[in-house]
Protein backbone atom coordinates (compact mmCIF):
# COMPACT_ATOMS: atom_id res chain seq x y z
CA MET A 1 102.20 23.82 -88.75
CA LYS A 2 105.36 25.07 -90.49
CA ASN A 3 103.62 28.24 -91.66
CA VAL A 4 102.24 28.81 -88.17
CA LEU A 5 105.74 28.55 -86.70
CA ILE A 6 107.15 30.96 -89.28
CA ALA A 7 104.39 33.47 -88.57
CA LEU A 8 105.04 33.15 -84.84
CA LEU A 9 108.76 33.73 -85.31
CA LEU A 10 108.11 36.82 -87.45
CA PHE A 11 105.80 38.15 -84.74
CA LEU A 12 108.26 37.50 -81.93
CA PHE A 13 111.43 38.56 -83.78
CA PRO A 14 110.43 41.11 -86.44
CA ALA A 15 113.70 43.05 -86.31
CA ALA A 16 115.76 39.93 -87.00
CA ALA A 17 113.47 39.00 -89.89
CA LEU A 18 113.80 42.44 -91.45
CA ALA A 19 117.56 42.43 -91.02
CA GLU A 20 117.79 39.29 -93.14
CA SER A 21 115.63 40.67 -95.95
CA ARG A 22 117.70 41.03 -99.11
CA VAL A 23 114.96 43.01 -100.83
CA LEU A 24 114.72 45.53 -98.00
CA SER A 25 118.49 45.96 -98.23
CA ILE A 26 118.07 46.76 -101.93
CA LEU A 27 115.33 49.31 -101.25
CA GLN A 28 117.50 50.90 -98.57
CA ALA A 29 120.43 51.09 -101.00
CA ILE A 30 118.24 52.86 -103.58
CA ASP A 31 117.05 55.32 -100.95
CA ASP A 32 120.59 55.98 -99.78
CA ASN A 33 121.89 56.46 -103.33
CA TYR A 34 119.31 59.04 -104.36
CA LYS A 35 118.75 61.08 -101.21
CA LEU A 36 120.68 64.31 -101.86
CA LYS A 37 122.49 66.17 -99.10
CA SER A 38 122.01 69.53 -100.81
CA ASP A 39 119.18 71.43 -102.49
CA VAL A 40 119.34 71.61 -106.28
CA ARG A 41 117.92 73.57 -109.16
CA ALA A 42 117.89 72.15 -112.69
CA ASP A 43 116.32 72.27 -116.14
CA VAL A 44 114.08 69.38 -117.15
CA ALA A 45 112.99 68.43 -120.66
CA LEU A 46 110.22 65.87 -121.17
CA THR A 47 110.09 64.52 -124.73
CA GLN A 48 106.77 62.81 -125.24
CA GLN A 49 106.24 60.51 -128.23
CA LYS A 50 102.78 59.33 -129.23
CA PRO A 51 102.20 57.66 -132.59
CA GLU A 52 98.97 59.58 -133.30
CA GLN A 53 100.19 62.94 -132.00
CA GLY A 54 103.88 63.01 -132.87
CA THR A 55 106.55 64.44 -130.58
CA LYS A 56 106.02 67.07 -127.91
CA VAL A 57 108.75 68.65 -125.76
CA ILE A 58 107.92 70.15 -122.38
CA GLY A 59 110.50 72.36 -120.66
CA MET A 60 110.48 72.95 -116.90
CA ASP A 61 112.37 74.71 -114.16
CA TYR A 62 112.91 72.16 -111.39
CA TYR A 63 113.65 72.85 -107.72
CA ARG A 64 114.30 70.00 -105.29
CA ARG A 65 114.89 69.80 -101.54
CA ASP A 66 115.31 66.28 -100.16
CA SER A 67 115.44 67.23 -96.48
CA ASP A 68 111.63 67.38 -96.46
CA ASP A 69 110.85 65.70 -99.82
CA ALA A 70 109.80 68.96 -101.47
CA PHE A 71 109.94 69.89 -105.13
CA LEU A 72 108.55 72.52 -107.47
CA MET A 73 108.28 72.32 -111.25
CA ALA A 74 107.29 75.31 -113.39
CA MET A 75 106.70 74.75 -117.10
CA THR A 76 108.56 77.01 -119.53
CA ALA A 77 107.55 75.38 -122.85
CA PRO A 78 105.59 74.85 -125.04
CA GLU A 79 103.73 78.14 -125.07
CA ASN A 80 100.32 76.60 -124.30
CA GLU A 81 101.78 74.89 -121.18
CA LYS A 82 103.96 77.77 -120.03
CA GLY A 83 103.09 78.87 -116.51
CA ASN A 84 101.55 75.59 -115.43
CA GLY A 85 103.33 73.66 -112.71
CA TYR A 86 103.48 71.24 -109.82
CA LEU A 87 104.33 71.62 -106.14
CA ARG A 88 105.03 68.94 -103.57
CA VAL A 89 105.38 69.83 -99.87
CA GLY A 90 105.07 67.22 -97.14
CA ASP A 91 102.20 64.90 -98.01
CA ASN A 92 100.58 67.46 -100.31
CA PHE A 93 100.95 67.45 -104.09
CA TRP A 94 99.32 70.21 -106.13
CA MET A 95 98.92 70.84 -109.85
CA TYR A 96 98.68 74.51 -110.86
CA ARG A 97 96.91 75.72 -114.02
CA LYS A 98 97.71 79.24 -115.18
CA ASN A 99 94.57 79.79 -117.28
CA THR A 100 92.29 79.29 -114.26
CA ARG A 101 94.86 80.35 -111.64
CA THR A 102 93.83 77.38 -109.51
CA PHE A 103 95.59 74.66 -107.55
CA GLN A 104 94.26 71.12 -107.65
CA HIS A 105 95.25 68.51 -105.09
CA VAL A 106 96.42 65.43 -107.02
CA ASN A 107 97.95 62.03 -106.30
CA ARG A 108 101.55 60.97 -106.86
CA ASP A 109 100.43 59.02 -109.94
CA GLU A 110 99.46 62.28 -111.67
CA SER A 111 100.81 62.44 -115.22
CA ILE A 112 103.22 65.36 -115.67
CA GLY A 113 102.01 67.45 -118.59
CA GLY A 114 100.11 64.48 -120.02
CA THR A 115 103.32 62.47 -120.44
CA ASP A 116 104.26 58.99 -119.20
CA ALA A 117 106.27 60.54 -116.35
CA HIS A 118 104.44 60.80 -113.02
CA GLY A 119 104.81 63.05 -110.01
CA SER A 120 106.36 60.18 -108.08
CA ASP A 121 109.22 60.07 -110.60
CA PHE A 122 110.46 63.43 -109.32
CA GLU A 123 110.03 62.97 -105.59
CA THR A 124 112.38 61.42 -103.05
CA ARG A 125 110.04 59.77 -100.58
CA LYS A 126 111.70 56.61 -99.29
CA LEU A 127 110.89 53.33 -101.02
CA THR A 128 111.24 51.60 -97.66
CA GLU A 129 108.24 53.65 -96.47
CA LEU A 130 106.13 52.77 -99.50
CA TYR A 131 106.93 49.17 -100.37
CA ALA A 132 107.60 45.80 -98.76
CA PRO A 133 109.14 42.63 -100.24
CA ALA A 134 106.70 40.49 -102.22
CA ALA A 135 106.70 36.75 -101.55
CA GLY A 136 106.11 33.75 -103.77
CA ALA A 137 103.89 30.74 -103.10
CA ASP A 138 106.63 29.29 -100.90
CA GLY A 139 106.69 32.40 -98.72
CA GLN A 140 110.17 33.39 -99.90
CA GLU A 141 111.10 36.82 -101.19
CA LEU A 142 111.01 37.20 -104.97
CA ILE A 143 114.64 38.04 -105.73
CA SER A 144 117.13 36.62 -108.21
CA GLU A 145 120.51 37.37 -109.74
CA GLU A 146 120.37 38.18 -113.45
CA MET A 147 122.14 40.06 -116.23
CA LEU A 148 120.67 43.25 -117.66
CA GLY A 149 122.61 43.42 -120.89
CA GLN A 150 126.20 43.13 -119.70
CA VAL A 151 125.48 44.37 -116.16
CA PRO A 152 125.05 41.97 -113.20
CA VAL A 153 121.84 42.93 -111.39
CA PHE A 154 119.42 41.86 -108.71
CA LYS A 155 115.82 41.45 -109.87
CA SER A 156 113.42 41.96 -106.96
CA GLU A 157 109.67 42.35 -106.58
CA VAL A 158 107.90 44.59 -104.10
CA LYS A 159 104.32 45.37 -103.13
CA ALA A 160 102.84 48.57 -101.75
CA LYS A 161 102.26 48.83 -98.02
CA VAL A 162 100.50 52.20 -98.26
CA ASN A 163 97.71 53.40 -100.55
CA ASP A 164 99.45 56.56 -101.75
CA VAL A 165 101.64 55.02 -104.45
CA ASP A 166 101.65 55.31 -108.23
CA TYR A 167 101.57 51.51 -108.72
CA PRO A 168 100.84 48.77 -106.16
CA LYS A 169 103.44 46.34 -107.52
CA LYS A 170 106.91 46.94 -108.93
CA ILE A 171 109.86 44.90 -110.11
CA PHE A 172 113.32 46.46 -109.82
CA TRP A 173 116.59 45.64 -111.59
CA THR A 174 119.44 47.10 -109.52
CA ARG A 175 123.19 46.86 -110.02
CA ARG A 176 124.79 44.31 -107.74
CA ASP A 177 127.89 46.43 -107.15
CA ASN A 178 126.42 49.78 -106.12
CA GLY A 179 122.63 49.38 -105.87
CA LEU A 180 121.77 51.77 -108.72
CA LEU A 181 118.28 51.28 -110.10
CA LEU A 182 118.56 50.60 -113.85
CA LYS A 183 115.12 49.26 -114.80
CA GLN A 184 111.67 49.25 -113.25
CA GLU A 185 108.41 47.56 -114.21
CA SER A 186 105.16 48.88 -112.71
CA TYR A 187 101.98 46.81 -112.43
CA SER A 188 98.32 47.45 -111.67
CA LEU A 189 96.49 45.75 -108.82
CA SER A 190 95.28 43.08 -111.26
CA GLY A 191 98.87 42.29 -112.25
CA THR A 192 98.85 44.04 -115.65
CA LEU A 193 102.16 45.55 -116.72
CA MET A 194 101.47 49.28 -117.08
CA GLN A 195 104.88 50.89 -117.50
CA THR A 196 108.53 50.05 -117.99
CA ALA A 197 111.18 52.59 -117.02
CA TYR A 198 114.90 52.65 -117.81
CA PHE A 199 117.42 54.85 -116.00
CA LEU A 200 120.17 55.34 -118.53
CA LYS A 201 122.52 58.05 -117.30
CA PHE A 202 123.56 59.30 -113.87
CA THR A 203 125.53 62.15 -112.38
CA VAL A 204 127.06 62.25 -108.89
CA ILE A 205 126.48 65.14 -106.48
CA ASP A 206 128.10 65.02 -103.03
CA GLY A 207 128.44 61.26 -103.31
CA ARG A 208 124.77 60.77 -104.22
CA TYR A 209 123.26 59.93 -107.60
CA ILE A 210 120.78 61.74 -109.83
CA ALA A 211 119.40 59.88 -112.83
CA VAL A 212 119.68 62.57 -115.51
CA LYS A 213 118.19 60.51 -118.33
CA HIS A 214 115.13 58.27 -117.86
CA VAL A 215 112.83 56.62 -120.38
CA TYR A 216 109.22 55.72 -119.48
CA ILE A 217 107.43 53.32 -121.83
CA ASP A 218 103.65 53.04 -121.68
CA GLU A 219 102.88 49.32 -121.84
CA PHE A 220 99.12 49.88 -121.86
CA GLU A 221 98.96 52.26 -124.80
CA LYS A 222 101.64 50.81 -127.04
CA GLY A 223 103.94 53.24 -128.81
CA ASN A 224 103.74 55.95 -126.15
CA LYS A 225 106.92 56.86 -124.33
CA THR A 226 108.50 59.79 -122.54
CA VAL A 227 112.20 60.64 -122.26
CA VAL A 228 113.29 62.76 -119.29
CA ASP A 229 116.52 64.77 -119.55
CA ILE A 230 117.80 66.73 -116.54
CA SER A 231 120.54 69.31 -117.17
CA ASN A 232 122.20 72.46 -115.82
CA ILE A 233 122.09 71.17 -112.26
CA VAL A 234 123.08 73.79 -109.71
CA VAL A 235 123.74 72.79 -106.10
CA GLN A 236 122.63 75.58 -103.80
CA LYS A 237 120.65 76.25 -100.65
CA LEU A 238 117.10 77.09 -101.66
CA ASP A 239 115.01 79.49 -99.65
CA ASP A 240 111.91 78.11 -97.96
CA SER A 241 109.82 80.55 -100.00
CA ILE A 242 110.65 78.60 -103.19
CA PHE A 243 108.41 75.72 -102.18
CA THR A 244 105.19 77.69 -101.91
CA LYS A 245 102.08 78.27 -103.99
CA ALA A 246 102.98 81.96 -104.20
CA THR A 247 106.28 81.19 -105.92
CA LEU A 248 104.61 78.91 -108.45
CA GLU A 249 102.06 81.63 -109.21
CA ASN A 250 104.81 84.25 -109.60
CA LEU A 251 106.80 82.02 -111.95
CA SER A 252 103.75 81.66 -114.15
CA LYS A 253 103.51 85.41 -114.83
């Protein structure tokens, strides 16, 4: 009977229930922190480490516009990857291959250049649109106060509410003082830990944050990891023509 009453209350007063959600407040804080007010251009270096293959560094030109969640990435190194790229506009995400001069529609979980970084790691689509608070057996949100090293954090668990996500379950460690996301664990539908990410260094642009150093650890294939370094960030208005297939093709020449 208690569960029936709770369900009835949530149905009758959904806004009040959402307002009291601590996890939703955390997701909103992450969204607010990372949504940039201006367009940016930057250089990105992906350093991929695989025990059997050694170290590989991929260089990219990166263009980002948060007003419509658009980004373009054009690879500049190594030579065999140069000219390849990725384009996200609206709900569409394409991978471009120079050798075939073709665009392939891919999902947000697409590996960037074969690394442990995914397309979703470079987009700005709101977490509040993708995830909802996960609940334990008692029906309560899974959130706790912990220490991540010397930093006081909230640990919270979320589950996907749409199909178009890289992982259906995630656990976040966010700073209690400013809501910055410091660590993230990503799980498969079966509950297997697939990836751990650490966000190690940030820069502030117009009062918003960009994580300029991330580390993605492959928990499925042990020993694999990718380090993302973002540098030479330039804040400028980008022309609409930047976020087009034609521009990606031209940059590949």
